[in-house]
Amino acid sequence: MSYDIQLFRLETKDREQQCNDEHFFDDAEQLEPFTEQQIAELKDRLLGYDYELVRESPDGMEYRHAEYTITVLLTERGLYFTAGWDTDSIFEAGMTASEFTDTDEFAKYDPQNGGWE
């Protein structure tokens, strides 16, 4: 079992709230792509938060936290945190995702906790 949190561009949040489609996230075309600069900045921030790059694939870049049971998948359209079902990992993933919204470019989506933050 895991706890999932996502980070998307603000345009994705606006689009999802306007369309009222329960399957919105199933269509990747609905998700606004990150710019190259945003991807570079997200990579740098992940490394600064003790995430280590463990794998690159056509689907994205996978990171793992050095201390907590958290994996992160950075794709061209989203940043996906998956935390183990322990309080410290869930807290750390949630706080990191929240802190990444400080540039006003991104919005945090927590499906287990009511949706958009």
Protein backbone atom coordinates (compact mmCIF):
# COMPACT_ATOMS: atom_id res chain seq x y z
CA MET A 1 0.00 0.00 0.00
CA SER A 2 1.24 3.51 -0.77
CA TYR A 3 0.33 7.16 -0.44
CA ASP A 4 0.38 9.13 -3.69
CA ILE A 5 0.79 12.87 -4.23
CA GLN A 6 1.18 14.65 -7.56
CA LEU A 7 2.47 18.01 -8.70
CA PHE A 8 1.20 19.62 -11.90
CA ARG A 9 1.34 22.98 -13.60
CA LEU A 10 -1.33 25.45 -12.51
CA GLU A 11 -2.90 25.24 -15.96
CA THR A 12 -3.65 21.57 -15.31
CA LYS A 13 -5.40 22.43 -12.05
CA ASP A 14 -7.51 25.09 -13.78
CA ARG A 15 -8.40 22.72 -16.63
CA GLU A 16 -9.37 19.90 -14.26
CA GLN A 17 -11.56 22.15 -12.13
CA GLN A 18 -13.39 23.49 -15.17
CA CYS A 19 -14.07 20.19 -16.93
CA ASN A 20 -15.59 18.23 -14.02
CA ASP A 21 -14.51 14.87 -15.49
CA GLU A 22 -13.80 12.08 -13.01
CA HIS A 23 -11.42 10.49 -15.56
CA PHE A 24 -9.51 13.72 -16.23
CA PHE A 25 -6.12 12.36 -15.13
CA ASP A 26 -6.46 9.25 -17.32
CA ASP A 27 -5.80 11.35 -20.45
CA ALA A 28 -2.20 12.60 -20.41
CA GLU A 29 -3.07 15.18 -23.07
CA GLN A 30 -5.13 17.00 -20.42
CA LEU A 31 -1.98 17.60 -18.35
CA GLU A 32 -0.05 20.73 -19.27
CA PRO A 33 3.59 19.79 -20.03
CA PHE A 34 6.41 21.24 -17.98
CA THR A 35 8.79 23.56 -19.78
CA GLU A 36 12.42 22.48 -20.17
CA GLN A 37 13.37 25.08 -17.55
CA GLN A 38 10.76 23.78 -15.11
CA ILE A 39 12.03 20.20 -15.55
CA ALA A 40 15.61 21.34 -14.93
CA GLU A 41 14.55 23.24 -11.80
CA LEU A 42 12.52 20.29 -10.49
CA LYS A 43 15.51 17.97 -10.99
CA ASP A 44 17.75 20.36 -9.06
CA ARG A 45 15.23 20.73 -6.25
CA LEU A 46 14.79 16.98 -5.92
CA LEU A 47 18.55 16.54 -5.58
CA GLY A 48 18.59 19.33 -2.99
CA TYR A 49 15.94 17.47 -0.97
CA ASP A 50 18.06 14.28 -0.78
CA TYR A 51 16.42 12.47 -3.68
CA GLU A 52 18.77 10.39 -5.79
CA LEU A 53 18.25 9.64 -9.46
CA VAL A 54 17.99 5.86 -9.78
CA ARG A 55 16.69 5.35 -13.31
CA GLU A 56 15.90 7.16 -16.54
CA SER A 57 13.50 5.74 -19.09
CA PRO A 58 11.27 7.00 -21.88
CA ASP A 59 8.54 7.34 -19.22
CA GLY A 60 10.57 9.73 -17.08
CA MET A 61 13.17 9.93 -14.35
CA GLU A 62 12.78 7.95 -11.14
CA TYR A 63 14.19 9.24 -7.87
CA ARG A 64 14.37 7.73 -4.39
CA HIS A 65 14.76 9.53 -1.12
CA ALA A 66 17.96 8.75 0.76
CA GLU A 67 16.22 8.34 4.13
CA TYR A 68 12.47 7.84 3.65
CA THR A 69 10.53 5.26 1.67
CA ILE A 70 9.59 7.66 -1.12
CA THR A 71 9.96 7.30 -4.86
CA VAL A 72 9.34 10.12 -7.30
CA LEU A 73 8.66 9.91 -11.01
CA LEU A 74 9.33 13.08 -12.99
CA THR A 75 7.62 13.01 -16.37
CA GLU A 76 7.12 15.71 -18.96
CA ARG A 77 3.63 16.37 -17.52
CA GLY A 78 3.76 15.59 -13.80
CA LEU A 79 5.82 14.93 -10.70
CA TYR A 80 4.51 11.85 -8.89
CA PHE A 81 5.43 11.10 -5.27
CA THR A 82 4.77 7.61 -3.92
CA ALA A 83 5.38 7.26 -0.19
CA GLY A 84 5.40 4.10 1.87
CA TRP A 85 2.55 3.76 4.30
CA ASP A 86 4.48 5.18 7.26
CA THR A 87 3.82 8.56 8.84
CA ASP A 88 7.31 10.01 8.32
CA SER A 89 7.42 9.17 4.60
CA ILE A 90 3.90 10.48 3.96
CA PHE A 91 4.70 13.70 5.84
CA GLU A 92 8.00 14.19 3.99
CA ALA A 93 6.45 13.59 0.54
CA GLY A 94 3.56 15.93 1.31
CA MET A 95 5.78 18.69 2.64
CA THR A 96 8.18 18.44 -0.29
CA ALA A 97 5.33 18.64 -2.80
CA SER A 98 3.86 21.61 -0.93
CA GLU A 99 7.21 23.41 -0.87
CA PHE A 100 7.57 22.92 -4.63
CA THR A 101 4.44 25.06 -5.11
CA ASP A 102 6.26 28.13 -3.75
CA THR A 103 7.02 29.45 -7.26
CA ASP A 104 3.30 29.80 -8.11
CA GLU A 105 3.86 27.62 -11.20
CA PHE A 106 2.68 24.34 -9.71
CA ALA A 107 -0.24 22.90 -7.78
CA LYS A 108 -0.23 19.90 -5.46
CA TYR A 109 -2.87 17.21 -5.93
CA ASP A 110 -3.41 14.77 -3.05
CA PRO A 111 -6.17 12.31 -4.01
CA GLN A 112 -6.21 10.74 -0.54
CA ASN A 113 -6.75 14.11 1.13
CA GLY A 114 -9.48 15.77 -0.93
CA GLY A 115 -7.62 16.77 -4.08
CA TRP A 116 -5.99 20.14 -4.76
CA GLU A 117 -4.11 21.94 -2.04
